């Protein structure tokens, strides 16, 4: 019997099918050296995708810094063999710009301090 399509995470939370649940949810979760996947992450890909599908990418984003998401996007994009030098430069410039924005969002400016005179 073939496995159903892998769950496809969307921006907002979406359900998975019963067939996906049965095919990709481990019968028993164990933690081995800090990992659920027992050292075989490909075996757990469907499980991880099911969790992200149920959670939604917007919600997942709230639990990780934007800088980490950008770092992951950059790493994956730079591995794409279709990326020529010109597009690689554009990607790096774009990510650099987004990192500046992310830093300002994640580290709001400090409130100006005012000195108060005690009477």
C-alpha atoms as a PDB file:
ATOM      1  CA  UNK A   1       0.000   0.000   0.000  1.00  0.00           C
ATOM      2  CA  UNK A   2       1.457   3.373  -0.989  1.00  0.00           C
ATOM      3  CA  UNK A   3       1.657   6.273   1.408  1.00  0.00           C
ATOM      4  CA  UNK A   4      -0.583   9.307   0.907  1.00  0.00           C
ATOM      5  CA  UNK A   5       0.857  12.624  -0.222  1.00  0.00           C
ATOM      6  CA  UNK A   6       2.946  14.374   2.391  1.00  0.00           C
ATOM      7  CA  UNK A   7       1.055  17.059   4.337  1.00  0.00           C
ATOM      8  CA  UNK A   8       1.559  20.518   2.814  1.00  0.00           C
ATOM      9  CA  UNK A   9       1.933  23.301   5.407  1.00  0.00           C
ATOM     10  CA  UNK A  10       0.054  26.493   4.539  1.00  0.00           C
ATOM     11  CA  UNK A  11       0.178  29.989   6.009  1.00  0.00           C
ATOM     12  CA  UNK A  12      -2.817  29.240   8.227  1.00  0.00           C
ATOM     13  CA  UNK A  13      -3.543  26.005  10.033  1.00  0.00           C
ATOM     14  CA  UNK A  14      -5.158  23.310   7.925  1.00  0.00           C
ATOM     15  CA  UNK A  15      -6.264  19.777   8.688  1.00  0.00           C
ATOM     16  CA  UNK A  16      -4.526  16.625   7.572  1.00  0.00           C
ATOM     17  CA  UNK A  17      -6.392  13.557   6.361  1.00  0.00           C
ATOM     18  CA  UNK A  18      -6.924  10.424   8.418  1.00  0.00           C
ATOM     19  CA  UNK A  19      -4.748   8.593   5.888  1.00  0.00           C
ATOM     20  CA  UNK A  20      -1.911  11.093   6.455  1.00  0.00           C
ATOM     21  CA  UNK A  21      -2.314  10.755  10.210  1.00  0.00           C
ATOM     22  CA  UNK A  22      -2.145   6.968  10.047  1.00  0.00           C
ATOM     23  CA  UNK A  23       0.802   6.953   7.617  1.00  0.00           C
ATOM     24  CA  UNK A  24       2.982   9.617   9.240  1.00  0.00           C
ATOM     25  CA  UNK A  25       2.244   9.669  12.971  1.00  0.00           C
ATOM     26  CA  UNK A  26       4.574   7.364  14.902  1.00  0.00           C
ATOM     27  CA  UNK A  27       2.839   4.827  17.122  1.00  0.00           C
ATOM     28  CA  UNK A  28       5.169   5.761  19.938  1.00  0.00           C
ATOM     29  CA  UNK A  29       7.296   8.866  20.357  1.00  0.00           C
ATOM     30  CA  UNK A  30      10.653   8.414  22.007  1.00  0.00           C
ATOM     31  CA  UNK A  31      13.370  10.909  22.717  1.00  0.00           C
ATOM     32  CA  UNK A  32      16.818   9.654  21.717  1.00  0.00           C
ATOM     33  CA  UNK A  33      19.753  12.011  22.333  1.00  0.00           C
ATOM     34  CA  UNK A  34      17.346  14.953  22.309  1.00  0.00           C
ATOM     35  CA  UNK A  35      15.635  14.004  19.021  1.00  0.00           C
ATOM     36  CA  UNK A  36      12.273  12.471  18.194  1.00  0.00           C
ATOM     37  CA  UNK A  37      13.531  10.993  14.926  1.00  0.00           C
ATOM     38  CA  UNK A  38      15.883   8.312  16.356  1.00  0.00           C
ATOM     39  CA  UNK A  39      18.600   9.581  14.001  1.00  0.00           C
ATOM     40  CA  UNK A  40      16.517   9.028  10.855  1.00  0.00           C
ATOM     41  CA  UNK A  41      14.973  12.435  10.048  1.00  0.00           C
ATOM     42  CA  UNK A  42      13.627  11.306   6.652  1.00  0.00           C
ATOM     43  CA  UNK A  43      11.427   8.769   8.426  1.00  0.00           C
ATOM     44  CA  UNK A  44       9.833  11.615  10.385  1.00  0.00           C
ATOM     45  CA  UNK A  45       9.430  14.123   7.544  1.00  0.00           C
ATOM     46  CA  UNK A  46       5.694  13.380   7.201  1.00  0.00           C
ATOM     47  CA  UNK A  47       5.195  13.737  10.961  1.00  0.00           C
ATOM     48  CA  UNK A  48       6.976  17.091  11.067  1.00  0.00           C
ATOM     49  CA  UNK A  49       5.036  18.342   8.039  1.00  0.00           C
ATOM     50  CA  UNK A  50       1.766  17.219   9.643  1.00  0.00           C
ATOM     51  CA  UNK A  51       2.572  19.217  12.780  1.00  0.00           C
ATOM     52  CA  UNK A  52       3.434  22.318  10.724  1.00  0.00           C
ATOM     53  CA  UNK A  53       0.279  21.839   8.635  1.00  0.00           C
ATOM     54  CA  UNK A  54      -1.884  21.710  11.756  1.00  0.00           C
ATOM     55  CA  UNK A  55      -0.037  24.634  13.338  1.00  0.00           C
ATOM     56  CA  UNK A  56       0.179  26.857  10.254  1.00  0.00           C
ATOM     57  CA  UNK A  57       3.323  28.671   9.194  1.00  0.00           C
ATOM     58  CA  UNK A  58       2.146  32.028  10.551  1.00  0.00           C
ATOM     59  CA  UNK A  59       1.792  30.542  14.021  1.00  0.00           C
ATOM     60  CA  UNK A  60       5.134  28.744  13.762  1.00  0.00           C
ATOM     61  CA  UNK A  61       6.774  32.042  12.832  1.00  0.00           C
ATOM     62  CA  UNK A  62       5.647  33.541  16.149  1.00  0.00           C
ATOM     63  CA  UNK A  63       7.828  31.050  18.040  1.00  0.00           C
ATOM     64  CA  UNK A  64      11.079  31.617  16.129  1.00  0.00           C
ATOM     65  CA  UNK A  65      12.913  34.857  15.445  1.00  0.00           C
ATOM     66  CA  UNK A  66      12.555  36.322  11.977  1.00  0.00           C
ATOM     67  CA  UNK A  67      16.353  36.316  11.720  1.00  0.00           C
ATOM     68  CA  UNK A  68      16.390  32.513  12.114  1.00  0.00           C
ATOM     69  CA  UNK A  69      13.743  32.100   9.384  1.00  0.00           C
ATOM     70  CA  UNK A  70      15.772  34.360   7.073  1.00  0.00           C
ATOM     71  CA  UNK A  71      18.941  32.392   7.800  1.00  0.00           C
ATOM     72  CA  UNK A  72      17.170  29.129   6.932  1.00  0.00           C
ATOM     73  CA  UNK A  73      15.673  30.592   3.738  1.00  0.00           C
ATOM     74  CA  UNK A  74      19.072  31.899   2.675  1.00  0.00           C
ATOM     75  CA  UNK A  75      20.798  28.565   3.365  1.00  0.00           C
ATOM     76  CA  UNK A  76      18.230  26.580   1.372  1.00  0.00           C
ATOM     77  CA  UNK A  77      18.074  29.083  -1.502  1.00  0.00           C
ATOM     78  CA  UNK A  78      21.855  29.208  -1.847  1.00  0.00           C
ATOM     79  CA  UNK A  79      21.930  25.426  -2.335  1.00  0.00           C
ATOM     80  CA  UNK A  80      19.644  25.648  -5.378  1.00  0.00           C
ATOM     81  CA  UNK A  81      21.684  24.818  -8.503  1.00  0.00           C
ATOM     82  CA  UNK A  82      19.481  27.119 -10.634  1.00  0.00           C
ATOM     83  CA  UNK A  83      20.836  30.148  -8.771  1.00  0.00           C
ATOM     84  CA  UNK A  84      23.363  31.965 -10.950  1.00  0.00           C
ATOM     85  CA  UNK A  85      25.849  34.571  -9.664  1.00  0.00           C
ATOM     86  CA  UNK A  86      23.556  37.494 -10.443  1.00  0.00           C
ATOM     87  CA  UNK A  87      20.581  35.963  -8.610  1.00  0.00           C
ATOM     88  CA  UNK A  88      22.822  34.893  -5.717  1.00  0.00           C
ATOM     89  CA  UNK A  89      23.942  38.508  -5.302  1.00  0.00           C
ATOM     90  CA  UNK A  90      20.332  39.733  -5.410  1.00  0.00           C
ATOM     91  CA  UNK A  91      19.335  37.105  -2.842  1.00  0.00           C
ATOM     92  CA  UNK A  92      22.143  38.082  -0.485  1.00  0.00           C
ATOM     93  CA  UNK A  93      21.323  41.807  -0.802  1.00  0.00           C
ATOM     94  CA  UNK A  94      17.623  41.131  -0.212  1.00  0.00           C
ATOM     95  CA  UNK A  95      18.279  38.952   2.823  1.00  0.00           C
ATOM     96  CA  UNK A  96      20.661  41.590   4.214  1.00  0.00           C
ATOM     97  CA  UNK A  97      17.927  44.235   3.860  1.00  0.00           C
ATOM     98  CA  UNK A  98      15.363  41.950   5.502  1.00  0.00           C
ATOM     99  CA  UNK A  99      17.765  41.210   8.379  1.00  0.00           C
ATOM    100  CA  UNK A 100      17.966  44.948   9.118  1.00  0.00           C
ATOM    101  CA  UNK A 101      14.173  45.119   9.227  1.00  0.00           C
ATOM    102  CA  UNK A 102      13.971  41.970  11.367  1.00  0.00           C
ATOM    103  CA  UNK A 103      16.521  43.339  13.807  1.00  0.00           C
ATOM    104  CA  UNK A 104      14.547  46.547  14.246  1.00  0.00           C
ATOM    105  CA  UNK A 105      11.342  44.566  14.800  1.00  0.00           C
ATOM    106  CA  UNK A 106      12.891  42.141  17.254  1.00  0.00           C
ATOM    107  CA  UNK A 107      14.911  44.754  19.151  1.00  0.00           C
ATOM    108  CA  UNK A 108      12.738  47.837  19.460  1.00  0.00           C
ATOM    109  CA  UNK A 109      14.619  51.058  20.231  1.00  0.00           C
ATOM    110  CA  UNK A 110      15.034  51.871  23.879  1.00  0.00           C
ATOM    111  CA  UNK A 111      12.760  54.466  25.384  1.00  0.00           C
ATOM    112  CA  UNK A 112      14.594  57.742  25.857  1.00  0.00           C
ATOM    113  CA  UNK A 113      15.475  58.216  29.476  1.00  0.00           C
ATOM    114  CA  UNK A 114      14.396  61.329  31.252  1.00  0.00           C
ATOM    115  CA  UNK A 115      15.962  62.597  34.384  1.00  0.00           C
ATOM    116  CA  UNK A 116      13.620  63.287  37.202  1.00  0.00           C
ATOM    117  CA  UNK A 117      14.398  65.633  39.998  1.00  0.00           C
ATOM    118  CA  UNK A 118      13.395  64.366  43.377  1.00  0.00           C
ATOM    119  CA  UNK A 119      11.967  66.960  45.663  1.00  0.00           C
END
